[in-house]
């Protein structure tokens, strides 16, 4: 069910529980700013979720409240994960769903990294 990205952060969301180690995952990256793991219901041959370690509901929340170091660290982590997995060539897609109209289902900012075959048009027409 899509969420309202303006709601307060929910410490019981699934990504918060993964960050705290309460729910297992298939981790692919962790550093000071970001945590990444394989999606349990992949939508492409490669489907990695990248979440900031801070308590941010949405991209708007993150861009307004995160420090410059958090923002730079998160963006650099996404790029590093793509490079480390050999995705830069032939290419990959990043997707961040924000709010109800954007289809956001978990109230913790996250980026989907999709790759592994041609992904088609950006949106279904």
PDB file of N, CA and C in Angstrom:
ATOM      1  N   UNK A   1       0.848  -1.185   0.000  1.00  0.00           N
ATOM      2  CA  UNK A   1       0.000   0.000   0.000  1.00  0.00           C
ATOM      3  C   UNK A   1       0.888   1.241   0.000  1.00  0.00           C
ATOM      4  N   UNK A   2       0.670   2.165  -0.957  1.00  0.00           N
ATOM      5  CA  UNK A   2       1.484   3.379  -1.001  1.00  0.00           C
ATOM      6  C   UNK A   2       1.329   4.205   0.273  1.00  0.00           C
ATOM      7  N   UNK A   3       2.400   4.910   0.609  1.00  0.00           N
ATOM      8  CA  UNK A   3       2.406   5.713   1.830  1.00  0.00           C
ATOM      9  C   UNK A   3       2.468   7.197   1.506  1.00  0.00           C
ATOM     10  N   UNK A   4       2.167   8.006   2.495  1.00  0.00           N
ATOM     11  CA  UNK A   4       2.286   9.460   2.406  1.00  0.00           C
ATOM     12  C   UNK A   4       3.696   9.816   2.857  1.00  0.00           C
ATOM     13  N   UNK A   5       4.519  10.303   1.923  1.00  0.00           N
ATOM     14  CA  UNK A   5       5.932  10.581   2.217  1.00  0.00           C
ATOM     15  C   UNK A   5       6.123  11.766   3.164  1.00  0.00           C
ATOM     16  N   UNK A   6       5.039  12.433   3.545  1.00  0.00           N
ATOM     17  CA  UNK A   6       5.171  13.538   4.494  1.00  0.00           C
ATOM     18  C   UNK A   6       4.926  13.077   5.932  1.00  0.00           C
ATOM     19  N   UNK A   7       4.594  11.784   6.109  1.00  0.00           N
ATOM     20  CA  UNK A   7       4.359  11.254   7.458  1.00  0.00           C
ATOM     21  C   UNK A   7       5.666  11.213   8.242  1.00  0.00           C
ATOM     22  N   UNK A   8       5.587  11.212   9.570  1.00  0.00           N
ATOM     23  CA  UNK A   8       6.806  11.071  10.370  1.00  0.00           C
ATOM     24  C   UNK A   8       7.445   9.703  10.147  1.00  0.00           C
ATOM     25  N   UNK A   9       8.729   9.623  10.425  1.00  0.00           N
ATOM     26  CA  UNK A   9       9.457   8.371  10.265  1.00  0.00           C
ATOM     27  C   UNK A   9       8.904   7.318  11.218  1.00  0.00           C
ATOM     28  N   UNK A  10       8.755   6.092  10.723  1.00  0.00           N
ATOM     29  CA  UNK A  10       8.255   4.964  11.516  1.00  0.00           C
ATOM     30  C   UNK A  10       9.425   4.027  11.814  1.00  0.00           C
ATOM     31  N   UNK A  11       9.851   3.972  13.082  1.00  0.00           N
ATOM     32  CA  UNK A  11      10.980   3.135  13.477  1.00  0.00           C
ATOM     33  C   UNK A  11      10.706   1.645  13.332  1.00  0.00           C
ATOM     34  N   UNK A  12       9.472   1.256  13.062  1.00  0.00           N
ATOM     35  CA  UNK A  12       9.142  -0.153  12.890  1.00  0.00           C
ATOM     36  C   UNK A  12       9.023  -0.566  11.429  1.00  0.00           C
ATOM     37  N   UNK A  13       9.435   0.310  10.487  1.00  0.00           N
ATOM     38  CA  UNK A  13       9.372  -0.087   9.086  1.00  0.00           C
ATOM     39  C   UNK A  13      10.412  -1.174   8.810  1.00  0.00           C
ATOM     40  N   UNK A  14      10.178  -1.960   7.773  1.00  0.00           N
ATOM     41  CA  UNK A  14      11.016  -3.133   7.503  1.00  0.00           C
ATOM     42  C   UNK A  14      12.479  -2.768   7.285  1.00  0.00           C
ATOM     43  N   UNK A  15      12.765  -1.619   6.645  1.00  0.00           N
ATOM     44  CA  UNK A  15      14.158  -1.258   6.402  1.00  0.00           C
ATOM     45  C   UNK A  15      14.851  -0.847   7.690  1.00  0.00           C
ATOM     46  N   UNK A  16      14.128  -0.207   8.607  1.00  0.00           N
ATOM     47  CA  UNK A  16      14.707   0.112   9.922  1.00  0.00           C
ATOM     48  C   UNK A  16      15.062  -1.174  10.652  1.00  0.00           C
ATOM     49  N   UNK A  17      14.183  -2.171  10.550  1.00  0.00           N
ATOM     50  CA  UNK A  17      14.448  -3.456  11.200  1.00  0.00           C
ATOM     51  C   UNK A  17      15.645  -4.164  10.560  1.00  0.00           C
ATOM     52  N   UNK A  18      15.781  -4.074   9.245  1.00  0.00           N
ATOM     53  CA  UNK A  18      16.948  -4.651   8.565  1.00  0.00           C
ATOM     54  C   UNK A  18      18.214  -3.929   9.020  1.00  0.00           C
ATOM     55  N   UNK A  19      18.174  -2.601   9.086  1.00  0.00           N
ATOM     56  CA  UNK A  19      19.341  -1.834   9.530  1.00  0.00           C
ATOM     57  C   UNK A  19      19.751  -2.204  10.954  1.00  0.00           C
ATOM     58  N   UNK A  20      18.785  -2.520  11.803  1.00  0.00           N
ATOM     59  CA  UNK A  20      19.082  -2.905  13.186  1.00  0.00           C
ATOM     60  C   UNK A  20      19.466  -4.383  13.310  1.00  0.00           C
ATOM     61  N   UNK A  21      19.409  -5.137  12.217  1.00  0.00           N
ATOM     62  CA  UNK A  21      19.762  -6.546  12.248  1.00  0.00           C
ATOM     63  C   UNK A  21      18.657  -7.438  12.766  1.00  0.00           C
ATOM     64  N   UNK A  22      17.434  -6.924  12.857  1.00  0.00           N
ATOM     65  CA  UNK A  22      16.305  -7.713  13.364  1.00  0.00           C
ATOM     66  C   UNK A  22      15.698  -8.605  12.296  1.00  0.00           C
ATOM     67  N   UNK A  23      15.915  -8.269  11.031  1.00  0.00           N
ATOM     68  CA  UNK A  23      15.415  -9.050   9.905  1.00  0.00           C
ATOM     69  C   UNK A  23      16.617  -9.350   9.017  1.00  0.00           C
ATOM     70  N   UNK A  24      16.796 -10.625   8.649  1.00  0.00           N
ATOM     71  CA  UNK A  24      17.950 -10.962   7.810  1.00  0.00           C
ATOM     72  C   UNK A  24      17.782 -10.447   6.381  1.00  0.00           C
ATOM     73  N   UNK A  25      18.908 -10.284   5.703  1.00  0.00           N
ATOM     74  CA  UNK A  25      18.901  -9.872   4.306  1.00  0.00           C
ATOM     75  C   UNK A  25      20.167 -10.391   3.649  1.00  0.00           C
ATOM     76  N   UNK A  26      20.217 -10.276   2.343  1.00  0.00           N
ATOM     77  CA  UNK A  26      21.399 -10.649   1.574  1.00  0.00           C
ATOM     78  C   UNK A  26      22.179  -9.371   1.270  1.00  0.00           C
ATOM     79  N   UNK A  27      23.049  -8.992   2.205  1.00  0.00           N
ATOM     80  CA  UNK A  27      23.772  -7.710   2.131  1.00  0.00           C
ATOM     81  C   UNK A  27      24.782  -7.727   0.994  1.00  0.00           C
ATOM     82  N   UNK A  28      24.844  -6.602   0.268  1.00  0.00           N
ATOM     83  CA  UNK A  28      25.849  -6.444  -0.778  1.00  0.00           C
ATOM     84  C   UNK A  28      26.806  -5.289  -0.492  1.00  0.00           C
ATOM     85  N   UNK A  29      26.433  -4.386   0.403  1.00  0.00           N
ATOM     86  CA  UNK A  29      27.287  -3.228   0.697  1.00  0.00           C
ATOM     87  C   UNK A  29      26.863  -2.620   2.032  1.00  0.00           C
ATOM     88  N   UNK A  30      27.852  -2.156   2.766  1.00  0.00           N
ATOM     89  CA  UNK A  30      27.577  -1.356   3.960  1.00  0.00           C
ATOM     90  C   UNK A  30      28.754  -0.436   4.189  1.00  0.00           C
ATOM     91  N   UNK A  31      28.450   0.813   4.457  1.00  0.00           N
ATOM     92  CA  UNK A  31      29.461   1.777   4.861  1.00  0.00           C
ATOM     93  C   UNK A  31      28.824   2.714   5.887  1.00  0.00           C
ATOM     94  N   UNK A  32      29.470   3.806   6.166  1.00  0.00           N
ATOM     95  CA  UNK A  32      28.979   4.737   7.188  1.00  0.00           C
ATOM     96  C   UNK A  32      27.619   5.325   6.851  1.00  0.00           C
ATOM     97  N   UNK A  33      27.323   5.473   5.555  1.00  0.00           N
ATOM     98  CA  UNK A  33      26.131   6.210   5.128  1.00  0.00           C
ATOM     99  C   UNK A  33      25.026   5.362   4.527  1.00  0.00           C
ATOM    100  N   UNK A  34      25.371   4.195   4.001  1.00  0.00           N
ATOM    101  CA  UNK A  34      24.385   3.425   3.231  1.00  0.00           C
ATOM    102  C   UNK A  34      24.479   1.934   3.537  1.00  0.00           C
ATOM    103  N   UNK A  35      23.356   1.264   3.290  1.00  0.00           N
ATOM    104  CA  UNK A  35      23.259  -0.185   3.439  1.00  0.00           C
ATOM    105  C   UNK A  35      22.533  -0.686   2.204  1.00  0.00           C
ATOM    106  N   UNK A  36      23.049  -1.736   1.573  1.00  0.00           N
ATOM    107  CA  UNK A  36      22.425  -2.254   0.357  1.00  0.00           C
ATOM    108  C   UNK A  36      22.284  -3.763   0.447  1.00  0.00           C
ATOM    109  N   UNK A  37      21.191  -4.253  -0.146  1.00  0.00           N
ATOM    110  CA  UNK A  37      20.898  -5.682  -0.088  1.00  0.00           C
ATOM    111  C   UNK A  37      20.031  -6.059  -1.286  1.00  0.00           C
ATOM    112  N   UNK A  38      20.036  -7.357  -1.603  1.00  0.00           N
ATOM    113  CA  UNK A  38      19.206  -7.847  -2.701  1.00  0.00           C
ATOM    114  C   UNK A  38      17.735  -7.821  -2.294  1.00  0.00           C
ATOM    115  N   UNK A  39      16.883  -7.394  -3.227  1.00  0.00           N
ATOM    116  CA  UNK A  39      15.444  -7.393  -2.992  1.00  0.00           C
ATOM    117  C   UNK A  39      14.955  -8.837  -2.903  1.00  0.00           C
ATOM    118  N   UNK A  40      14.050  -9.112  -1.962  1.00  0.00           N
ATOM    119  CA  UNK A  40      13.550 -10.482  -1.803  1.00  0.00           C
ATOM    120  C   UNK A  40      12.549 -10.869  -2.896  1.00  0.00           C
ATOM    121  N   UNK A  41      12.047  -9.886  -3.628  1.00  0.00           N
ATOM    122  CA  UNK A  41      11.126 -10.141  -4.740  1.00  0.00           C
ATOM    123  C   UNK A  41      11.648  -9.397  -5.970  1.00  0.00           C
ATOM    124  N   UNK A  42      12.772  -9.859  -6.537  1.00  0.00           N
ATOM    125  CA  UNK A  42      13.426  -9.092  -7.605  1.00  0.00           C
ATOM    126  C   UNK A  42      12.551  -8.907  -8.841  1.00  0.00           C
ATOM    127  N   UNK A  43      12.639  -7.698  -9.392  1.00  0.00           N
ATOM    128  CA  UNK A  43      11.890  -7.346 -10.594  1.00  0.00           C
ATOM    129  C   UNK A  43      12.781  -7.337 -11.828  1.00  0.00           C
ATOM    130  N   UNK A  44      14.078  -7.670 -11.649  1.00  0.00           N
ATOM    131  CA  UNK A  44      15.051  -7.767 -12.741  1.00  0.00           C
ATOM    132  C   UNK A  44      16.118  -8.751 -12.273  1.00  0.00           C
ATOM    133  N   UNK A  45      16.960  -9.256 -13.190  1.00  0.00           N
ATOM    134  CA  UNK A  45      17.997 -10.190 -12.766  1.00  0.00           C
ATOM    135  C   UNK A  45      18.872  -9.644 -11.627  1.00  0.00           C
ATOM    136  N   UNK A  46      19.184  -8.364 -11.682  1.00  0.00           N
ATOM    137  CA  UNK A  46      19.835  -7.686 -10.561  1.00  0.00           C
ATOM    138  C   UNK A  46      18.844  -6.672 -10.017  1.00  0.00           C
ATOM    139  N   UNK A  47      18.518  -6.776  -8.736  1.00  0.00           N
ATOM    140  CA  UNK A  47      17.607  -5.831  -8.080  1.00  0.00           C
ATOM    141  C   UNK A  47      18.122  -5.629  -6.661  1.00  0.00           C
ATOM    142  N   UNK A  48      18.801  -4.513  -6.481  1.00  0.00           N
ATOM    143  CA  UNK A  48      19.423  -4.179  -5.203  1.00  0.00           C
ATOM    144  C   UNK A  48      18.720  -2.964  -4.625  1.00  0.00           C
ATOM    145  N   UNK A  49      18.439  -3.003  -3.339  1.00  0.00           N
ATOM    146  CA  UNK A  49      17.880  -1.860  -2.628  1.00  0.00           C
ATOM    147  C   UNK A  49      19.009  -1.178  -1.870  1.00  0.00           C
ATOM    148  N   UNK A  50      19.070   0.141  -1.973  1.00  0.00           N
ATOM    149  CA  UNK A  50      20.075   0.924  -1.259  1.00  0.00           C
ATOM    150  C   UNK A  50      19.328   1.903  -0.362  1.00  0.00           C
ATOM    151  N   UNK A  51      19.621   1.852   0.941  1.00  0.00           N
ATOM    152  CA  UNK A  51      18.949   2.727   1.900  1.00  0.00           C
ATOM    153  C   UNK A  51      19.988   3.548   2.655  1.00  0.00           C
ATOM    154  N   UNK A  52      19.661   4.813   2.935  1.00  0.00           N
ATOM    155  CA  UNK A  52      20.549   5.566   3.813  1.00  0.00           C
ATOM    156  C   UNK A  52      20.398   5.044   5.236  1.00  0.00           C
ATOM    157  N   UNK A  53      21.439   5.181   6.032  1.00  0.00           N
ATOM    158  CA  UNK A  53      21.368   4.695   7.406  1.00  0.00           C
ATOM    159  C   UNK A  53      20.577   5.627   8.318  1.00  0.00           C
ATOM    160  N   UNK A  54      20.378   6.853   7.891  1.00  0.00           N
ATOM    161  CA  UNK A  54      19.610   7.807   8.695  1.00  0.00           C
ATOM    162  C   UNK A  54      18.117   7.576   8.579  1.00  0.00           C
ATOM    163  N   UNK A  55      17.382   8.233   9.466  1.00  0.00           N
ATOM    164  CA  UNK A  55      15.924   8.094   9.561  1.00  0.00           C
ATOM    165  C   UNK A  55      15.237   9.100   8.624  1.00  0.00           C
ATOM    166  N   UNK A  56      15.134   8.725   7.340  1.00  0.00           N
ATOM    167  CA  UNK A  56      14.532   9.603   6.336  1.00  0.00           C
ATOM    168  C   UNK A  56      13.394   8.875   5.637  1.00  0.00           C
ATOM    169  N   UNK A  57      12.255   9.534   5.531  1.00  0.00           N
ATOM    170  CA  UNK A  57      11.077   8.936   4.918  1.00  0.00           C
ATOM    171  C   UNK A  57      11.171   8.974   3.394  1.00  0.00           C
ATOM    172  N   UNK A  58      11.648  10.074   2.848  1.00  0.00           N
ATOM    173  CA  UNK A  58      11.571  10.290   1.402  1.00  0.00           C
ATOM    174  C   UNK A  58      12.779  11.080   0.913  1.00  0.00           C
ATOM    175  N   UNK A  59      12.862  11.214  -0.419  1.00  0.00           N
ATOM    176  CA  UNK A  59      13.935  12.009  -1.008  1.00  0.00           C
ATOM    177  C   UNK A  59      13.820  13.459  -0.547  1.00  0.00           C
ATOM    178  N   UNK A  60      12.605  13.974  -0.456  1.00  0.00           N
ATOM    179  CA  UNK A  60      12.403  15.346   0.012  1.00  0.00           C
ATOM    180  C   UNK A  60      12.911  15.497   1.445  1.00  0.00           C
ATOM    181  N   UNK A  61      12.540  14.573   2.312  1.00  0.00           N
ATOM    182  CA  UNK A  61      12.984  14.576   3.702  1.00  0.00           C
ATOM    183  C   UNK A  61      14.511  14.522   3.768  1.00  0.00           C
ATOM    184  N   UNK A  62      15.114  13.612   3.015  1.00  0.00           N
ATOM    185  CA  UNK A  62      16.567  13.425   2.981  1.00  0.00           C
ATOM    186  C   UNK A  62      17.269  14.688   2.497  1.00  0.00           C
ATOM    187  N   UNK A  63      16.796  15.256   1.389  1.00  0.00           N
ATOM    188  CA  UNK A  63      17.461  16.430   0.815  1.00  0.00           C
ATOM    189  C   UNK A  63      17.313  17.661   1.707  1.00  0.00           C
ATOM    190  N   UNK A  64      16.264  17.708   2.516  1.00  0.00           N
ATOM    191  CA  UNK A  64      16.049  18.856   3.404  1.00  0.00           C
ATOM    192  C   UNK A  64      16.787  18.724   4.736  1.00  0.00           C
ATOM    193  N   UNK A  65      16.928  17.491   5.248  1.00  0.00           N
ATOM    194  CA  UNK A  65      17.468  17.338   6.607  1.00  0.00           C
ATOM    195  C   UNK A  65      18.833  16.668   6.723  1.00  0.00           C
ATOM    196  N   UNK A  66      19.233  15.912   5.730  1.00  0.00           N
ATOM    197  CA  UNK A  66      20.514  15.194   5.827  1.00  0.00           C
ATOM    198  C   UNK A  66      21.674  16.173   5.695  1.00  0.00           C
ATOM    199  N   UNK A  67      22.778  15.818   6.321  1.00  0.00           N
ATOM    200  CA  UNK A  67      23.991  16.638   6.196  1.00  0.00           C
ATOM    201  C   UNK A  67      24.576  16.461   4.799  1.00  0.00           C
ATOM    202  N   UNK A  68      25.444  17.397   4.420  1.00  0.00           N
ATOM    203  CA  UNK A  68      26.119  17.273   3.131  1.00  0.00           C
ATOM    204  C   UNK A  68      26.898  15.963   3.064  1.00  0.00           C
ATOM    205  N   UNK A  69      27.516  15.563   4.169  1.00  0.00           N
ATOM    206  CA  UNK A  69      28.283  14.308   4.193  1.00  0.00           C
ATOM    207  C   UNK A  69      27.377  13.099   3.987  1.00  0.00           C
ATOM    208  N   UNK A  70      26.177  13.098   4.596  1.00  0.00           N
ATOM    209  CA  UNK A  70      25.242  11.987   4.401  1.00  0.00           C
ATOM    210  C   UNK A  70      24.789  11.900   2.948  1.00  0.00           C
ATOM    211  N   UNK A  71      24.457  13.038   2.369  1.00  0.00           N
ATOM    212  CA  UNK A  71      23.989  13.055   0.983  1.00  0.00           C
ATOM    213  C   UNK A  71      25.092  12.571   0.048  1.00  0.00           C
ATOM    214  N   UNK A  72      26.281  13.126   0.193  1.00  0.00           N
ATOM    215  CA  UNK A  72      27.397  12.715  -0.667  1.00  0.00           C
ATOM    216  C   UNK A  72      27.721  11.236  -0.453  1.00  0.00           C
ATOM    217  N   UNK A  73      27.741  10.793   0.793  1.00  0.00           N
ATOM    218  CA  UNK A  73      28.059   9.404   1.080  1.00  0.00           C
ATOM    219  C   UNK A  73      27.053   8.440   0.480  1.00  0.00           C
ATOM    220  N   UNK A  74      25.767   8.791   0.548  1.00  0.00           N
ATOM    221  CA  UNK A  74      24.722   7.931  -0.010  1.00  0.00           C
ATOM    222  C   UNK A  74      24.830   7.864  -1.527  1.00  0.00           C
ATOM    223  N   UNK A  75      24.970   9.016  -2.168  1.00  0.00           N
ATOM    224  CA  UNK A  75      25.059   9.046  -3.632  1.00  0.00           C
ATOM    225  C   UNK A  75      26.304   8.288  -4.093  1.00  0.00           C
ATOM    226  N   UNK A  76      27.416   8.483  -3.410  1.00  0.00           N
ATOM    227  CA  UNK A  76      28.642   7.759  -3.777  1.00  0.00           C
ATOM    228  C   UNK A  76      28.480   6.255  -3.571  1.00  0.00           C
ATOM    229  N   UNK A  77      27.765   5.856  -2.532  1.00  0.00           N
ATOM    230  CA  UNK A  77      27.538   4.420  -2.291  1.00  0.00           C
ATOM    231  C   UNK A  77      26.751   3.797  -3.443  1.00  0.00           C
ATOM    232  N   UNK A  78      25.731   4.481  -3.930  1.00  0.00           N
ATOM    233  CA  UNK A  78      24.947   3.959  -5.053  1.00  0.00           C
ATOM    234  C   UNK A  78      25.855   3.751  -6.263  1.00  0.00           C
ATOM    235  N   UNK A  79      26.689   4.732  -6.559  1.00  0.00           N
ATOM    236  CA  UNK A  79      27.616   4.600  -7.686  1.00  0.00           C
ATOM    237  C   UNK A  79      28.608   3.470  -7.487  1.00  0.00           C
ATOM    238  N   UNK A  80      29.125   3.336  -6.285  1.00  0.00           N
ATOM    239  CA  UNK A  80      30.090   2.270  -6.004  1.00  0.00           C
ATOM    240  C   UNK A  80      29.458   0.885  -6.169  1.00  0.00           C
ATOM    241  N   UNK A  81      28.234   0.730  -5.687  1.00  0.00           N
ATOM    242  CA  UNK A  81      27.536  -0.554  -5.809  1.00  0.00           C
ATOM    243  C   UNK A  81      27.368  -0.909  -7.289  1.00  0.00           C
ATOM    244  N   UNK A  82      26.972   0.061  -8.105  1.00  0.00           N
ATOM    245  CA  UNK A  82      26.823  -0.190  -9.545  1.00  0.00           C
ATOM    246  C   UNK A  82      28.162  -0.597 -10.156  1.00  0.00           C
ATOM    247  N   UNK A  83      29.222   0.110  -9.808  1.00  0.00           N
ATOM    248  CA  UNK A  83      30.551  -0.242 -10.347  1.00  0.00           C
ATOM    249  C   UNK A  83      30.994  -1.614  -9.863  1.00  0.00           C
ATOM    250  N   UNK A  84      30.846  -1.877  -8.561  1.00  0.00           N
ATOM    251  CA  UNK A  84      31.295  -3.146  -7.983  1.00  0.00           C
ATOM    252  C   UNK A  84      30.566  -4.352  -8.576  1.00  0.00           C
ATOM    253  N   UNK A  85      29.346  -4.129  -9.055  1.00  0.00           N
ATOM    254  CA  UNK A  85      28.562  -5.225  -9.641  1.00  0.00           C
ATOM    255  C   UNK A  85      28.639  -5.252 -11.177  1.00  0.00           C
ATOM    256  N   UNK A  86      29.535  -4.441 -11.755  1.00  0.00           N
ATOM    257  CA  UNK A  86      29.734  -4.439 -13.201  1.00  0.00           C
ATOM    258  C   UNK A  86      28.544  -3.954 -13.996  1.00  0.00           C
ATOM    259  N   UNK A  87      27.807  -2.982 -13.446  1.00  0.00           N
ATOM    260  CA  UNK A  87      26.561  -2.551 -14.076  1.00  0.00           C
ATOM    261  C   UNK A  87      26.677  -1.280 -14.910  1.00  0.00           C
ATOM    262  N   UNK A  88      27.786  -0.559 -14.778  1.00  0.00           N
ATOM    263  CA  UNK A  88      27.907   0.714 -15.480  1.00  0.00           C
ATOM    264  C   UNK A  88      27.778   0.505 -16.984  1.00  0.00           C
ATOM    265  N   UNK A  89      28.425  -0.498 -17.495  1.00  0.00           N
ATOM    266  CA  UNK A  89      28.262  -0.903 -18.882  1.00  0.00           C
ATOM    267  C   UNK A  89      27.838  -2.369 -18.842  1.00  0.00           C
ATOM    268  N   UNK A  90      26.682  -2.753 -19.234  1.00  0.00           N
ATOM    269  CA  UNK A  90      25.830  -2.178 -20.261  1.00  0.00           C
ATOM    270  C   UNK A  90      24.768  -1.195 -19.773  1.00  0.00           C
ATOM    271  N   UNK A  91      24.648  -0.958 -18.493  1.00  0.00           N
ATOM    272  CA  UNK A  91      23.694   0.028 -17.996  1.00  0.00           C
ATOM    273  C   UNK A  91      22.782  -0.524 -16.923  1.00  0.00           C
ATOM    274  N   UNK A  92      22.140   0.399 -16.224  1.00  0.00           N
ATOM    275  CA  UNK A  92      21.233   0.043 -15.132  1.00  0.00           C
ATOM    276  C   UNK A  92      20.227   1.164 -14.946  1.00  0.00           C
ATOM    277  N   UNK A  93      19.244   0.913 -14.108  1.00  0.00           N
ATOM    278  CA  UNK A  93      18.212   1.915 -13.811  1.00  0.00           C
ATOM    279  C   UNK A  93      18.151   2.114 -12.305  1.00  0.00           C
ATOM    280  N   UNK A  94      18.006   3.373 -11.898  1.00  0.00           N
ATOM    281  CA  UNK A  94      17.739   3.729 -10.507  1.00  0.00           C
ATOM    282  C   UNK A  94      16.307   4.204 -10.410  1.00  0.00           C
ATOM    283  N   UNK A  95      15.634   3.796  -9.340  1.00  0.00           N
ATOM    284  CA  UNK A  95      14.253   4.207  -9.139  1.00  0.00           C
ATOM    285  C   UNK A  95      14.036   4.487  -7.657  1.00  0.00           C
ATOM    286  N   UNK A  96      13.495   5.640  -7.360  1.00  0.00           N
ATOM    287  CA  UNK A  96      13.085   5.965  -5.994  1.00  0.00           C
ATOM    288  C   UNK A  96      11.608   6.330  -6.050  1.00  0.00           C
ATOM    289  N   UNK A  97      10.759   5.534  -5.426  1.00  0.00           N
ATOM    290  CA  UNK A  97       9.328   5.816  -5.355  1.00  0.00           C
ATOM    291  C   UNK A  97       9.085   6.705  -4.142  1.00  0.00           C
ATOM    292  N   UNK A  98       8.415   7.835  -4.361  1.00  0.00           N
ATOM    293  CA  UNK A  98       8.187   8.785  -3.275  1.00  0.00           C
ATOM    294  C   UNK A  98       6.700   9.075  -3.149  1.00  0.00           C
ATOM    295  N   UNK A  99       6.145   8.798  -1.987  1.00  0.00           N
ATOM    296  CA  UNK A  99       4.752   9.115  -1.695  1.00  0.00           C
ATOM    297  C   UNK A  99       3.755   8.218  -2.414  1.00  0.00           C
ATOM    298  N   UNK A 100       2.499   8.493  -2.153  1.00  0.00           N
ATOM    299  CA  UNK A 100       1.413   7.681  -2.678  1.00  0.00           C
ATOM    300  C   UNK A 100       1.357   7.623  -4.193  1.00  0.00           C
ATOM    301  N   UNK A 101       1.458   8.771  -4.858  1.00  0.00           N
ATOM    302  CA  UNK A 101       1.395   8.773  -6.315  1.00  0.00           C
ATOM    303  C   UNK A 101       2.626   8.136  -6.927  1.00  0.00           C
ATOM    304  N   UNK A 102       3.756   8.148  -6.200  1.00  0.00           N
ATOM    305  CA  UNK A 102       4.989   7.536  -6.697  1.00  0.00           C
ATOM    306  C   UNK A 102       5.074   6.053  -6.407  1.00  0.00           C
ATOM    307  N   UNK A 103       4.136   5.513  -5.634  1.00  0.00           N
ATOM    308  CA  UNK A 103       4.117   4.088  -5.340  1.00  0.00           C
ATOM    309  C   UNK A 103       5.010   3.659  -4.192  1.00  0.00           C
ATOM    310  N   UNK A 104       5.424   4.590  -3.323  1.00  0.00           N
ATOM    311  CA  UNK A 104       6.283   4.230  -2.195  1.00  0.00           C
ATOM    312  C   UNK A 104       5.519   3.341  -1.221  1.00  0.00           C
ATOM    313  N   UNK A 105       6.116   2.198  -0.861  1.00  0.00           N
ATOM    314  CA  UNK A 105       5.462   1.250   0.030  1.00  0.00           C
ATOM    315  C   UNK A 105       6.110   1.161   1.406  1.00  0.00           C
ATOM    316  N   UNK A 106       7.380   1.520   1.512  1.00  0.00           N
ATOM    317  CA  UNK A 106       8.089   1.478   2.800  1.00  0.00           C
ATOM    318  C   UNK A 106       8.489   2.894   3.158  1.00  0.00           C
ATOM    319  N   UNK A 107       8.127   3.367   4.352  1.00  0.00           N
ATOM    320  CA  UNK A 107       8.399   4.756   4.732  1.00  0.00           C
ATOM    321  C   UNK A 107       9.841   4.991   5.197  1.00  0.00           C
ATOM    322  N   UNK A 108      10.793   4.508   4.397  1.00  0.00           N
ATOM    323  CA  UNK A 108      12.217   4.792   4.599  1.00  0.00           C
ATOM    324  C   UNK A 108      12.774   5.005   3.196  1.00  0.00           C
ATOM    325  N   UNK A 109      13.437   6.139   2.973  1.00  0.00           N
ATOM    326  CA  UNK A 109      13.995   6.403   1.651  1.00  0.00           C
ATOM    327  C   UNK A 109      14.798   5.199   1.176  1.00  0.00           C
ATOM    328  N   UNK A 110      14.590   4.794  -0.054  1.00  0.00           N
ATOM    329  CA  UNK A 110      15.371   3.723  -0.651  1.00  0.00           C
ATOM    330  C   UNK A 110      15.399   3.894  -2.160  1.00  0.00           C
ATOM    331  N   UNK A 111      16.483   3.414  -2.739  1.00  0.00           N
ATOM    332  CA  UNK A 111      16.671   3.451  -4.182  1.00  0.00           C
ATOM    333  C   UNK A 111      16.747   2.019  -4.673  1.00  0.00           C
ATOM    334  N   UNK A 112      15.990   1.721  -5.708  1.00  0.00           N
ATOM    335  CA  UNK A 112      16.058   0.423  -6.375  1.00  0.00           C
ATOM    336  C   UNK A 112      17.104   0.532  -7.484  1.00  0.00           C
ATOM    337  N   UNK A 113      17.988  -0.428  -7.569  1.00  0.00           N
ATOM    338  CA  UNK A 113      18.973  -0.511  -8.636  1.00  0.00           C
ATOM    339  C   UNK A 113      18.627  -1.770  -9.439  1.00  0.00           C
ATOM    340  N   UNK A 114      18.207  -1.560 -10.693  1.00  0.00           N
ATOM    341  CA  UNK A 114      17.787  -2.657 -11.563  1.00  0.00           C
ATOM    342  C   UNK A 114      18.796  -2.836 -12.696  1.00  0.00           C
ATOM    343  N   UNK A 115      19.098  -4.075 -13.044  1.00  0.00           N
ATOM    344  CA  UNK A 115      19.994  -4.342 -14.174  1.00  0.00           C
ATOM    345  C   UNK A 115      19.882  -5.804 -14.576  1.00  0.00           C
ATOM    346  N   UNK A 116      20.625  -6.161 -15.613  1.00  0.00           N
ATOM    347  CA  UNK A 116      20.723  -7.554 -16.012  1.00  0.00           C
ATOM    348  C   UNK A 116      20.098  -7.890 -17.345  1.00  0.00           C
ATOM    349  N   UNK A 117      19.267  -7.005 -17.868  1.00  0.00           N
ATOM    350  CA  UNK A 117      18.707  -7.161 -19.210  1.00  0.00           C
ATOM    351  C   UNK A 117      18.090  -5.828 -19.601  1.00  0.00           C
ATOM    352  N   UNK A 118      17.755  -5.628 -20.893  1.00  0.00           N
ATOM    353  CA  UNK A 118      17.112  -4.378 -21.287  1.00  0.00           C
ATOM    354  C   UNK A 118      15.827  -4.174 -20.474  1.00  0.00           C
ATOM    355  N   UNK A 119      15.672  -2.982 -19.923  1.00  0.00           N
ATOM    356  CA  UNK A 119      14.568  -2.717 -19.002  1.00  0.00           C
ATOM    357  C   UNK A 119      13.347  -2.064 -19.653  1.00  0.00           C
ATOM    358  N   UNK A 120      13.435  -1.758 -20.935  1.00  0.00           N
ATOM    359  CA  UNK A 120      12.271  -1.210 -21.616  1.00  0.00           C
ATOM    360  C   UNK A 120      12.033   0.250 -21.296  1.00  0.00           C
ATOM    361  N   UNK A 121      10.850   0.752 -21.656  1.00  0.00           N
ATOM    362  CA  UNK A 121      10.543   2.165 -21.432  1.00  0.00           C
ATOM    363  C   UNK A 121      10.462   2.497 -19.939  1.00  0.00           C
ATOM    364  N   UNK A 122      10.657   3.765 -19.647  1.00  0.00           N
ATOM    365  CA  UNK A 122      10.657   4.206 -18.265  1.00  0.00           C
ATOM    366  C   UNK A 122       9.324   3.950 -17.585  1.00  0.00           C
ATOM    367  N   UNK A 123       8.237   4.257 -18.255  1.00  0.00           N
ATOM    368  CA  UNK A 123       6.898   4.043 -17.695  1.00  0.00           C
ATOM    369  C   UNK A 123       6.048   3.284 -18.700  1.00  0.00           C
ATOM    370  N   UNK A 124       5.149   2.480 -18.192  1.00  0.00           N
ATOM    371  CA  UNK A 124       4.193   1.800 -19.071  1.00  0.00           C
ATOM    372  C   UNK A 124       3.247   2.837 -19.643  1.00  0.00           C
ATOM    373  N   UNK A 125       3.032   2.760 -20.913  1.00  0.00           N
ATOM    374  CA  UNK A 125       2.145   3.751 -21.565  1.00  0.00           C
ATOM    375  C   UNK A 125       0.766   3.174 -21.738  1.00  0.00           C
TER     376      UNK A 125
END
